[in-house]
Structure formats: structure tokens, C-alpha cells
Protein backbone atom coordinates (compact mmCIF):
# COMPACT_ATOMS: atom_id res chain seq x y z
CA MET A 1 -13.39 91.00 31.91
CA ALA A 2 -13.81 87.78 33.50
CA ARG A 3 -17.63 87.58 33.74
CA PHE A 4 -19.33 86.57 30.85
CA GLU A 5 -22.81 85.29 30.08
CA MET A 6 -23.37 82.39 27.33
CA HIS A 7 -26.79 83.79 25.98
CA ASN A 8 -25.38 84.02 22.51
CA SER A 9 -21.86 82.52 22.75
CA GLY A 10 -20.73 80.31 20.56
CA MET A 11 -19.31 77.93 23.23
CA ALA A 12 -23.14 77.26 24.38
CA THR A 13 -23.17 74.72 21.34
CA MET A 14 -19.60 73.23 22.09
CA GLY A 15 -20.22 69.73 22.80
CA GLY A 16 -19.22 66.96 25.69
CA ASP A 17 -17.08 67.52 28.73
CA THR A 18 -15.58 70.74 27.20
CA ARG A 19 -18.44 72.61 27.69
CA ALA A 20 -19.71 70.91 31.41
CA ASP A 21 -15.98 72.13 32.08
CA THR A 22 -16.62 75.81 31.29
CA PHE A 23 -19.77 75.63 33.14
CA CYS A 24 -18.04 74.69 36.36
CA ASP A 25 -15.73 76.89 35.76
CA MET A 26 -18.18 79.70 35.36
CA GLY A 27 -19.82 78.50 38.61
CA LEU A 28 -16.09 78.36 40.49
CA MET A 29 -15.92 81.92 39.11
CA TYR A 30 -18.87 83.34 40.70
CA ALA A 31 -18.74 81.22 43.84
CA THR A 32 -15.18 82.90 44.59
CA GLY A 33 -15.79 86.44 42.94
CA ARG A 34 -12.35 85.63 40.38
CA GLY A 35 -12.70 89.09 38.26
CA CYS A 36 -16.15 89.31 39.23
CA GLU A 37 -18.52 90.01 42.46
CA VAL A 38 -19.21 86.70 44.81
CA ASP A 39 -22.70 85.54 43.49
CA LEU A 40 -23.70 82.59 45.07
CA VAL A 41 -27.09 82.03 42.76
CA SER A 42 -25.47 82.59 39.61
CA ALA A 43 -22.18 80.13 41.04
CA HIS A 44 -25.05 77.58 41.90
CA LYS A 45 -27.08 77.75 38.40
CA TRP A 46 -23.94 77.32 36.42
CA LEU A 47 -22.84 74.65 38.74
CA ASN A 48 -25.69 72.83 38.16
CA ILE A 49 -25.92 72.89 34.57
CA ALA A 50 -22.36 71.53 34.86
CA ALA A 51 -23.52 68.82 36.81
CA ILE A 52 -26.54 68.24 34.69
CA LYS A 53 -24.15 68.08 31.35
CA GLY A 54 -22.15 65.32 33.36
CA SER A 55 -19.56 66.92 35.56
CA GLU A 56 -19.29 65.12 38.81
CA ARG A 57 -16.89 68.00 40.08
CA ALA A 58 -19.63 70.54 39.48
CA ALA A 59 -22.27 68.35 41.45
CA GLU A 60 -19.75 68.00 44.34
CA LEU A 61 -19.24 71.63 44.18
CA ARG A 62 -23.03 72.33 43.77
CA ALA A 63 -23.92 70.67 46.84
CA ASP A 64 -21.23 72.09 49.02
CA LEU A 65 -22.33 75.41 47.85
CA ALA A 66 -26.22 74.72 48.36
CA ARG A 67 -25.48 74.12 52.36
CA THR A 68 -24.75 77.79 52.57
CA MET A 69 -27.49 79.25 50.57
CA SER A 70 -30.98 80.42 51.93
CA LYS A 71 -34.22 78.55 50.34
CA MET A 72 -34.84 81.33 48.53
CA GLN A 73 -31.72 81.63 46.85
CA LEU A 74 -31.68 78.18 45.99
CA ALA A 75 -34.92 78.35 44.60
CA GLU A 76 -33.91 81.55 42.66
CA ALA A 77 -30.71 79.57 41.06
CA LEU A 78 -32.67 76.39 40.29
CA ARG A 79 -35.03 78.54 38.36
CA ALA A 80 -32.24 80.24 36.55
CA ALA A 81 -30.67 76.85 35.16
CA ARG A 82 -34.37 75.80 34.46
CA GLU A 83 -34.31 79.03 32.39
CA TRP A 84 -30.73 78.77 30.48
CA MET A 85 -31.63 75.07 29.97
CA THR A 86 -34.98 75.59 28.09
CA MET A 87 -33.21 78.35 26.16
CA HIS A 88 -30.36 76.66 24.91
């Protein structure tokens, strides 16, 4: 199964660009439905986290994705990213 969350994963503590790339890949997975249902809120959440971790590519993808989302979806995605960041 391609869908995975990083709540308890050892990958959540990986450092540097590898972690940002992993989060970016997760965002792309949800944005395109690669191995899972398309979920724009989750896609934005993971791209946002990747951008915060330093991925310029994720920041660009996040901006593109945000233009296709409703204000409510954006608020939900930002809230989810903030919650994840406070827990990890």
C-alpha cells in the first residue's frame, strides 16, 4: 500500500533534505492519487511541511495546489500541518 502517515514512523525523525523530499513525495502522492485517493488537503499539508523543512520544489507545488483549493480546504490543510508540526 502506498498510503502512509508518519505519526509513528522512524522516517519522521530523519534529518536534512531527505526528510523534506519524503514529505514532498507524500504531497505529490496525495495530489495525484498515486496509490491512494486524491486528497488535496493532505497533499497541501505534506507539501507545506516539506516547504517548511526547506524544499523549494514543495513550496512551488504547494502554491500551485493552493490555487485549486477552496478557502475551507486551505484552512483545514494549514491546521493539519500545524498540528503535525507541533507533535513532531
